[in-house]
N, C-alpha and C. Protein backbone atom coordinates (compact mmCIF):
# COMPACT_ATOMS: atom_id res chain seq x y z
N SER A 1 100.54 118.46 72.74
CA SER A 1 100.64 117.40 73.74
C SER A 1 100.01 116.13 73.19
N VAL A 2 100.80 115.08 73.16
CA VAL A 2 100.35 113.80 72.63
C VAL A 2 100.82 112.70 73.57
N ALA A 3 99.95 111.72 73.78
CA ALA A 3 100.31 110.55 74.59
C ALA A 3 99.70 109.32 73.93
N VAL A 4 100.25 108.16 74.22
CA VAL A 4 99.73 106.90 73.69
C VAL A 4 99.46 105.95 74.84
N THR A 5 98.29 105.33 74.80
CA THR A 5 97.98 104.29 75.78
C THR A 5 97.64 103.01 75.03
N VAL A 6 98.13 101.90 75.54
CA VAL A 6 97.80 100.60 74.96
C VAL A 6 96.55 100.11 75.68
N GLU A 7 95.47 99.95 74.92
CA GLU A 7 94.19 99.55 75.48
C GLU A 7 94.11 98.03 75.67
N GLU A 8 94.68 97.30 74.71
CA GLU A 8 94.60 95.84 74.78
C GLU A 8 95.76 95.23 74.01
N MET A 9 96.25 94.13 74.52
CA MET A 9 97.31 93.38 73.86
C MET A 9 97.02 91.91 74.13
N LYS A 10 96.73 91.16 73.06
CA LYS A 10 96.30 89.77 73.22
C LYS A 10 96.87 88.90 72.12
N LYS A 11 97.46 87.77 72.52
CA LYS A 11 98.00 86.83 71.55
C LYS A 11 96.88 85.92 71.06
N ARG A 12 96.81 85.75 69.76
CA ARG A 12 95.80 84.86 69.18
C ARG A 12 96.16 83.41 69.49
N GLU A 13 95.15 82.62 69.76
CA GLU A 13 95.38 81.21 70.07
C GLU A 13 95.66 80.40 68.81
N ASP A 14 95.06 80.81 67.68
CA ASP A 14 95.17 80.03 66.46
C ASP A 14 96.35 80.41 65.57
N LYS A 15 96.97 81.56 65.84
CA LYS A 15 98.08 82.02 65.00
C LYS A 15 99.14 82.66 65.87
N GLU A 16 100.33 82.83 65.30
CA GLU A 16 101.42 83.50 66.00
C GLU A 16 101.35 85.00 65.74
N ILE A 17 100.22 85.59 66.12
CA ILE A 17 100.00 87.02 65.93
C ILE A 17 99.53 87.62 67.24
N VAL A 18 100.03 88.81 67.55
CA VAL A 18 99.59 89.55 68.73
C VAL A 18 98.75 90.74 68.25
N ASP A 19 97.51 90.83 68.75
CA ASP A 19 96.64 91.95 68.43
C ASP A 19 96.87 93.05 69.46
N VAL A 20 97.21 94.24 68.99
CA VAL A 20 97.46 95.38 69.88
C VAL A 20 96.51 96.50 69.48
N SER A 21 95.81 97.04 70.46
CA SER A 21 94.93 98.18 70.24
C SER A 21 95.45 99.33 71.09
N ALA A 22 95.73 100.46 70.43
CA ALA A 22 96.28 101.62 71.14
C ALA A 22 95.52 102.89 70.75
N VAL A 23 95.53 103.83 71.68
CA VAL A 23 94.88 105.12 71.46
C VAL A 23 95.93 106.21 71.55
N ILE A 24 95.95 107.07 70.55
CA ILE A 24 96.80 108.25 70.57
C ILE A 24 95.93 109.39 71.09
N LEU A 25 96.30 109.92 72.24
CA LEU A 25 95.53 110.99 72.88
C LEU A 25 96.14 112.34 72.55
N VAL A 26 95.31 113.26 72.11
CA VAL A 26 95.76 114.61 71.83
C VAL A 26 94.97 115.57 72.71
N GLU A 27 95.58 116.69 72.99
CA GLU A 27 94.98 117.67 73.90
C GLU A 27 93.96 118.55 73.19
N LYS A 28 94.23 118.89 71.92
CA LYS A 28 93.37 119.82 71.19
C LYS A 28 92.80 119.14 69.94
N GLU A 29 91.61 119.55 69.58
CA GLU A 29 90.95 118.99 68.40
C GLU A 29 91.80 119.20 67.14
N SER A 30 92.46 120.34 67.04
CA SER A 30 93.29 120.62 65.86
C SER A 30 94.46 119.65 65.73
N GLN A 31 94.90 119.07 66.83
CA GLN A 31 96.01 118.13 66.79
C GLN A 31 95.60 116.80 66.17
N LYS A 32 94.32 116.46 66.25
CA LYS A 32 93.85 115.22 65.64
C LYS A 32 94.16 115.21 64.14
N GLY A 33 93.87 116.33 63.48
CA GLY A 33 94.12 116.41 62.05
C GLY A 33 95.59 116.29 61.71
N ILE A 34 96.43 116.83 62.56
CA ILE A 34 97.87 116.75 62.34
C ILE A 34 98.35 115.31 62.49
N VAL A 35 97.88 114.63 63.52
CA VAL A 35 98.30 113.24 63.78
C VAL A 35 97.77 112.31 62.70
N ILE A 36 96.54 112.54 62.25
CA ILE A 36 95.95 111.68 61.22
C ILE A 36 96.55 111.98 59.85
N GLY A 37 96.75 113.26 59.55
CA GLY A 37 97.33 113.64 58.27
C GLY A 37 96.32 113.58 57.14
N ALA A 38 96.70 114.09 55.99
CA ALA A 38 95.83 114.11 54.81
C ALA A 38 95.52 112.68 54.38
N GLY A 39 94.25 112.34 54.38
CA GLY A 39 93.83 111.00 53.97
C GLY A 39 94.35 109.90 54.87
N GLY A 40 94.75 110.24 56.09
CA GLY A 40 95.26 109.24 57.03
C GLY A 40 96.72 108.89 56.82
N SER A 41 97.42 109.67 56.01
CA SER A 41 98.80 109.33 55.65
C SER A 41 99.76 109.34 56.84
N MET A 42 99.64 110.31 57.73
CA MET A 42 100.54 110.38 58.88
C MET A 42 100.27 109.23 59.84
N LEU A 43 99.00 108.95 60.09
CA LEU A 43 98.64 107.85 60.98
C LEU A 43 99.13 106.52 60.42
N LYS A 44 99.06 106.37 59.11
CA LYS A 44 99.55 105.15 58.47
C LYS A 44 101.05 105.00 58.68
N GLN A 45 101.80 106.08 58.49
CA GLN A 45 103.25 106.03 58.69
C GLN A 45 103.60 105.69 60.14
N VAL A 46 102.92 106.36 61.06
CA VAL A 46 103.16 106.10 62.49
C VAL A 46 102.84 104.64 62.81
N GLY A 47 101.72 104.15 62.30
CA GLY A 47 101.32 102.77 62.56
C GLY A 47 102.30 101.75 62.01
N MET A 48 102.79 102.00 60.80
CA MET A 48 103.75 101.06 60.20
C MET A 48 105.04 101.00 61.00
N GLN A 49 105.55 102.17 61.42
CA GLN A 49 106.78 102.21 62.20
C GLN A 49 106.58 101.58 63.57
N ALA A 50 105.46 101.90 64.21
CA ALA A 50 105.17 101.34 65.53
C ALA A 50 105.03 99.83 65.46
N ARG A 51 104.31 99.33 64.45
CA ARG A 51 104.13 97.88 64.31
C ARG A 51 105.47 97.19 64.13
N SER A 52 106.32 97.77 63.32
CA SER A 52 107.65 97.20 63.09
C SER A 52 108.45 97.15 64.40
N ASP A 53 108.41 98.22 65.16
CA ASP A 53 109.14 98.27 66.44
C ASP A 53 108.57 97.26 67.44
N ILE A 54 107.24 97.14 67.50
CA ILE A 54 106.60 96.21 68.43
C ILE A 54 106.92 94.77 68.04
N GLU A 55 106.90 94.48 66.74
CA GLU A 55 107.23 93.13 66.27
C GLU A 55 108.66 92.76 66.67
N ARG A 56 109.56 93.70 66.54
CA ARG A 56 110.96 93.45 66.92
C ARG A 56 111.06 93.18 68.43
N LEU A 57 110.33 93.94 69.23
CA LEU A 57 110.35 93.75 70.69
C LEU A 57 109.74 92.42 71.11
N LEU A 58 108.61 92.06 70.49
CA LEU A 58 107.89 90.85 70.88
C LEU A 58 108.38 89.58 70.18
N GLY A 59 109.06 89.76 69.05
CA GLY A 59 109.50 88.59 68.28
C GLY A 59 108.33 87.86 67.66
N SER A 60 107.28 88.58 67.31
CA SER A 60 106.06 87.98 66.76
C SER A 60 105.41 88.98 65.82
N LYS A 61 104.61 88.49 64.89
CA LYS A 61 103.84 89.36 64.03
C LYS A 61 102.81 90.11 64.88
N VAL A 62 102.50 91.34 64.48
CA VAL A 62 101.58 92.19 65.25
C VAL A 62 100.52 92.77 64.33
N ASN A 63 99.28 92.72 64.80
CA ASN A 63 98.17 93.40 64.15
C ASN A 63 97.88 94.61 65.03
N LEU A 64 98.23 95.82 64.54
CA LEU A 64 98.11 97.03 65.34
C LEU A 64 96.91 97.85 64.89
N THR A 65 96.06 98.20 65.84
CA THR A 65 94.93 99.08 65.59
C THR A 65 95.15 100.37 66.37
N LEU A 66 95.12 101.50 65.65
CA LEU A 66 95.34 102.80 66.29
C LEU A 66 94.10 103.66 66.17
N TRP A 67 93.80 104.38 67.23
CA TRP A 67 92.71 105.35 67.25
C TRP A 67 93.29 106.67 67.73
N VAL A 68 92.80 107.77 67.20
CA VAL A 68 93.20 109.09 67.66
C VAL A 68 91.99 109.72 68.34
N LYS A 69 92.18 110.12 69.59
CA LYS A 69 91.08 110.71 70.35
C LYS A 69 91.57 111.98 71.04
N ARG A 70 90.65 112.92 71.16
CA ARG A 70 90.93 114.13 71.92
C ARG A 70 90.60 113.84 73.37
N ASP A 71 91.49 114.23 74.24
CA ASP A 71 91.27 114.04 75.67
C ASP A 71 91.66 115.32 76.38
N ASP A 72 91.19 115.49 77.56
CA ASP A 72 91.48 116.72 78.28
C ASP A 72 92.89 116.70 78.88
N VAL A 73 93.31 117.83 79.33
CA VAL A 73 94.66 117.99 79.88
C VAL A 73 94.88 117.08 81.08
N SER A 74 93.84 116.85 81.86
CA SER A 74 94.01 116.04 83.07
C SER A 74 94.47 114.62 82.74
N MET A 75 93.96 114.05 81.63
CA MET A 75 94.39 112.71 81.25
C MET A 75 95.88 112.70 80.91
N LEU A 76 96.31 113.69 80.13
CA LEU A 76 97.72 113.77 79.78
C LEU A 76 98.57 113.99 81.02
N THR A 77 98.09 114.78 81.95
CA THR A 77 98.82 115.01 83.20
C THR A 77 98.92 113.72 84.01
N ARG A 78 97.83 112.96 84.06
CA ARG A 78 97.85 111.68 84.79
C ARG A 78 98.84 110.71 84.17
N LEU A 79 99.06 110.83 82.88
CA LEU A 79 100.01 109.95 82.19
C LEU A 79 101.45 110.44 82.35
N GLY A 80 101.63 111.57 83.04
CA GLY A 80 102.97 112.07 83.32
C GLY A 80 103.46 113.13 82.38
N TYR A 81 102.56 113.66 81.52
CA TYR A 81 102.93 114.71 80.59
C TYR A 81 102.40 116.04 81.08
N GLU A 82 103.21 117.06 80.96
CA GLU A 82 102.78 118.40 81.41
C GLU A 82 102.88 119.40 80.30
């Protein structure tokens, strides 16, 4: 079980860049390692693809910060995942 929440999205005043901070929530501690991957390789791939998709949607450059956190089942349920 994995979910993503956008914690913050803010356009910089001095540049045409949008800063996006998101958290990838996993249900089990073992899933963190899978999402992060060896040396962070999986998280890097996910981040690059997500940034590209967000840039296309917003029509602006994006600085994406991703965090992987373990959360309990209730959080995932509240987000609509079962």
